[in-house]
């Protein structure tokens, strides 16, 4: 089924998942919980609490939610790599962070020093611009430290050869 042939509510929900994925991370917040829960029950064959939707519409929402879960998993891996403890991570805090639009209209948005391609990558990975920028900064700091250690090693090596 083409998206333009789907129920208008389904189209709106799919667009909302695309533009505000943070509202659907970590078990879906209260705003969408009941509605999406009903659709998930039907998709899993547990109950048919939304009989008015076509199977293709239910599958589209289910597939998008699974995709968001996959991105959230990647974001969790990145947070682990960036040494961001899970207990310091507040999923609800993402709701207050700026949305990164899919078009290059960044006027008035916090970008945390990221360029447009980096912002798209952060969105694709399901992390906020702030988390992505902090991870990038830690990586730069680690590279500088490795470079400094390498230079100190080379200097000591030269002193030892003289």
Protein backbone atom coordinates (compact mmCIF):
# COMPACT_ATOMS: atom_id res chain seq x y z
CA UNK A 1 0.00 0.00 0.00
CA UNK A 2 1.33 3.42 -0.92
CA UNK A 3 1.71 5.87 1.91
CA UNK A 4 -0.65 8.32 0.22
CA UNK A 5 -3.37 5.64 0.29
CA UNK A 6 -2.97 5.02 4.03
CA UNK A 7 -5.21 6.35 6.78
CA UNK A 8 -4.36 9.99 7.50
CA UNK A 9 -3.70 9.20 11.18
CA UNK A 10 -1.24 6.48 10.17
CA UNK A 11 0.56 8.91 7.85
CA UNK A 12 0.76 11.52 10.62
CA UNK A 13 2.09 8.97 13.10
CA UNK A 14 4.71 7.73 10.63
CA UNK A 15 5.82 11.31 9.96
CA UNK A 16 5.98 12.01 13.71
CA UNK A 17 8.20 8.97 14.18
CA UNK A 18 10.44 10.32 11.43
CA UNK A 19 10.67 13.87 12.76
CA UNK A 20 10.59 13.20 16.52
CA UNK A 21 12.00 9.71 17.09
CA UNK A 22 12.88 10.58 20.69
CA UNK A 23 9.15 10.46 21.51
CA UNK A 24 9.15 6.76 20.63
CA UNK A 25 12.41 5.63 22.27
CA UNK A 26 12.67 3.70 25.51
CA UNK A 27 9.31 2.00 25.44
CA UNK A 28 7.33 4.90 23.98
CA UNK A 29 6.29 7.77 26.20
CA UNK A 30 2.81 8.19 27.63
CA UNK A 31 1.69 10.44 24.77
CA UNK A 32 1.79 7.59 22.21
CA UNK A 33 1.91 4.53 24.48
CA UNK A 34 -1.70 3.33 24.29
CA UNK A 35 -2.14 3.99 20.60
CA UNK A 36 1.12 2.38 19.53
CA UNK A 37 0.62 -0.42 22.05
CA UNK A 38 -2.67 -1.34 20.39
CA UNK A 39 -1.00 -1.41 16.99
CA UNK A 40 1.88 -3.52 18.32
CA UNK A 41 -0.59 -6.02 19.81
CA UNK A 42 -2.28 -6.39 16.46
CA UNK A 43 1.04 -6.65 14.60
CA UNK A 44 2.10 -9.47 16.93
CA UNK A 45 -1.27 -11.20 16.58
CA UNK A 46 -2.14 -10.82 20.27
CA UNK A 47 -5.35 -8.85 19.72
CA UNK A 48 -7.13 -6.97 16.99
CA UNK A 49 -7.86 -3.76 18.86
CA UNK A 50 -7.53 -1.62 15.72
CA UNK A 51 -9.64 -3.54 13.18
CA UNK A 52 -10.24 -0.41 11.12
CA UNK A 53 -6.61 -0.26 9.98
CA UNK A 54 -5.36 -2.28 7.03
CA UNK A 55 -2.63 -4.85 7.57
CA UNK A 56 -0.23 -2.75 5.48
CA UNK A 57 -0.83 0.26 7.74
CA UNK A 58 -0.18 -1.78 10.88
CA UNK A 59 2.94 -3.26 9.32
CA UNK A 60 4.25 0.19 8.32
CA UNK A 61 3.97 1.46 11.90
CA UNK A 62 5.40 -1.76 13.33
CA UNK A 63 8.35 -1.65 10.90
CA UNK A 64 9.07 1.99 11.72
CA UNK A 65 9.02 1.29 15.46
CA UNK A 66 11.41 -1.63 14.96
CA UNK A 67 13.67 0.67 12.94
CA UNK A 68 13.65 3.22 15.78
CA UNK A 69 14.52 0.45 18.25
CA UNK A 70 17.46 -0.54 16.04
CA UNK A 71 18.68 3.08 15.98
CA UNK A 72 18.28 3.32 19.76
CA UNK A 73 20.39 0.18 20.15
CA UNK A 74 23.12 1.81 18.04
CA UNK A 75 22.85 4.96 20.16
CA UNK A 76 23.31 2.87 23.31
CA UNK A 77 26.42 1.30 21.80
CA UNK A 78 27.76 4.77 20.98
CA UNK A 79 27.06 5.98 24.52
CA UNK A 80 29.02 3.00 25.85
CA UNK A 81 31.90 3.78 23.49
CA UNK A 82 31.79 7.41 24.60
CA UNK A 83 31.89 6.29 28.25
CA UNK A 84 28.50 7.82 28.98
CA UNK A 85 27.09 5.79 31.87
CA UNK A 86 23.56 4.52 31.31
CA UNK A 87 22.48 5.85 34.70
CA UNK A 88 23.46 9.37 33.55
CA UNK A 89 21.32 8.98 30.43
CA UNK A 90 17.84 10.44 30.80
CA UNK A 91 15.63 9.45 27.82
CA UNK A 92 13.07 12.12 28.71
CA UNK A 93 15.77 14.81 28.49
CA UNK A 94 15.91 14.17 24.75
CA UNK A 95 12.39 15.52 24.46
CA UNK A 96 13.71 18.94 25.45
CA UNK A 97 16.65 18.89 23.05
CA UNK A 98 16.34 20.55 19.66
CA UNK A 99 14.94 18.57 16.78
CA UNK A 100 17.28 18.13 13.83
CA UNK A 101 15.16 18.58 10.70
CA UNK A 102 15.74 16.49 7.60
CA UNK A 103 16.20 19.64 5.51
CA UNK A 104 19.10 22.09 5.90
CA UNK A 105 17.20 24.71 7.90
CA UNK A 106 19.26 25.07 11.03
CA UNK A 107 18.42 28.69 11.86
CA UNK A 108 17.68 28.98 15.54
CA UNK A 109 18.60 25.37 16.30
CA UNK A 110 21.39 24.22 18.62
CA UNK A 111 23.87 22.31 16.53
CA UNK A 112 26.65 21.85 19.10
CA UNK A 113 29.24 22.75 16.48
CA UNK A 114 28.25 19.97 14.09
CA UNK A 115 27.97 20.49 10.38
CA UNK A 116 24.89 19.41 8.45
CA UNK A 117 26.29 15.99 7.49
CA UNK A 118 27.21 15.28 11.11
CA UNK A 119 23.73 16.31 12.23
CA UNK A 120 22.22 13.94 9.67
CA UNK A 121 24.51 11.15 10.91
CA UNK A 122 23.48 11.82 14.53
CA UNK A 123 19.82 11.67 13.54
CA UNK A 124 20.40 8.49 11.54
CA UNK A 125 22.06 6.90 14.57
CA UNK A 126 19.21 8.01 16.80
CA UNK A 127 21.29 10.21 19.10
CA UNK A 128 20.90 13.88 19.85
CA UNK A 129 23.33 16.41 18.38
CA UNK A 130 24.68 16.97 21.88
CA UNK A 131 25.47 13.27 22.45
CA UNK A 132 27.05 13.00 19.00
CA UNK A 133 29.16 16.15 19.54
CA UNK A 134 30.29 14.98 22.99
CA UNK A 135 31.27 11.60 21.58
CA UNK A 136 33.17 13.29 18.76
CA UNK A 137 34.95 15.60 21.22
CA UNK A 138 36.02 12.66 23.43
CA UNK A 139 37.36 10.91 20.33
CA UNK A 140 39.38 14.02 19.37
CA UNK A 141 40.74 14.30 22.91
CA UNK A 142 41.78 10.63 22.87
CA UNK A 143 43.54 11.12 19.52
CA UNK A 144 45.38 14.18 20.88
CA UNK A 145 46.44 12.23 23.97
CA UNK A 146 47.69 9.32 21.82
CA UNK A 147 49.57 11.79 19.62
CA UNK A 148 51.12 13.45 22.70
CA UNK A 149 52.15 10.05 24.11
CA UNK A 150 53.61 9.04 20.74
CA UNK A 151 55.64 12.27 20.54
CA UNK A 152 56.91 11.77 24.10
CA UNK A 153 57.86 8.18 23.25
CA UNK A 154 59.72 9.31 20.12
CA UNK A 155 61.53 12.05 22.07
CA UNK A 156 62.60 9.56 24.76
CA UNK A 157 63.68 7.11 22.08
CA UNK A 158 65.91 9.77 20.48
CA UNK A 159 67.41 10.67 23.87
CA UNK A 160 68.18 7.02 24.46
CA UNK A 161 69.98 6.67 21.11
CA UNK A 162 72.31 9.65 21.70
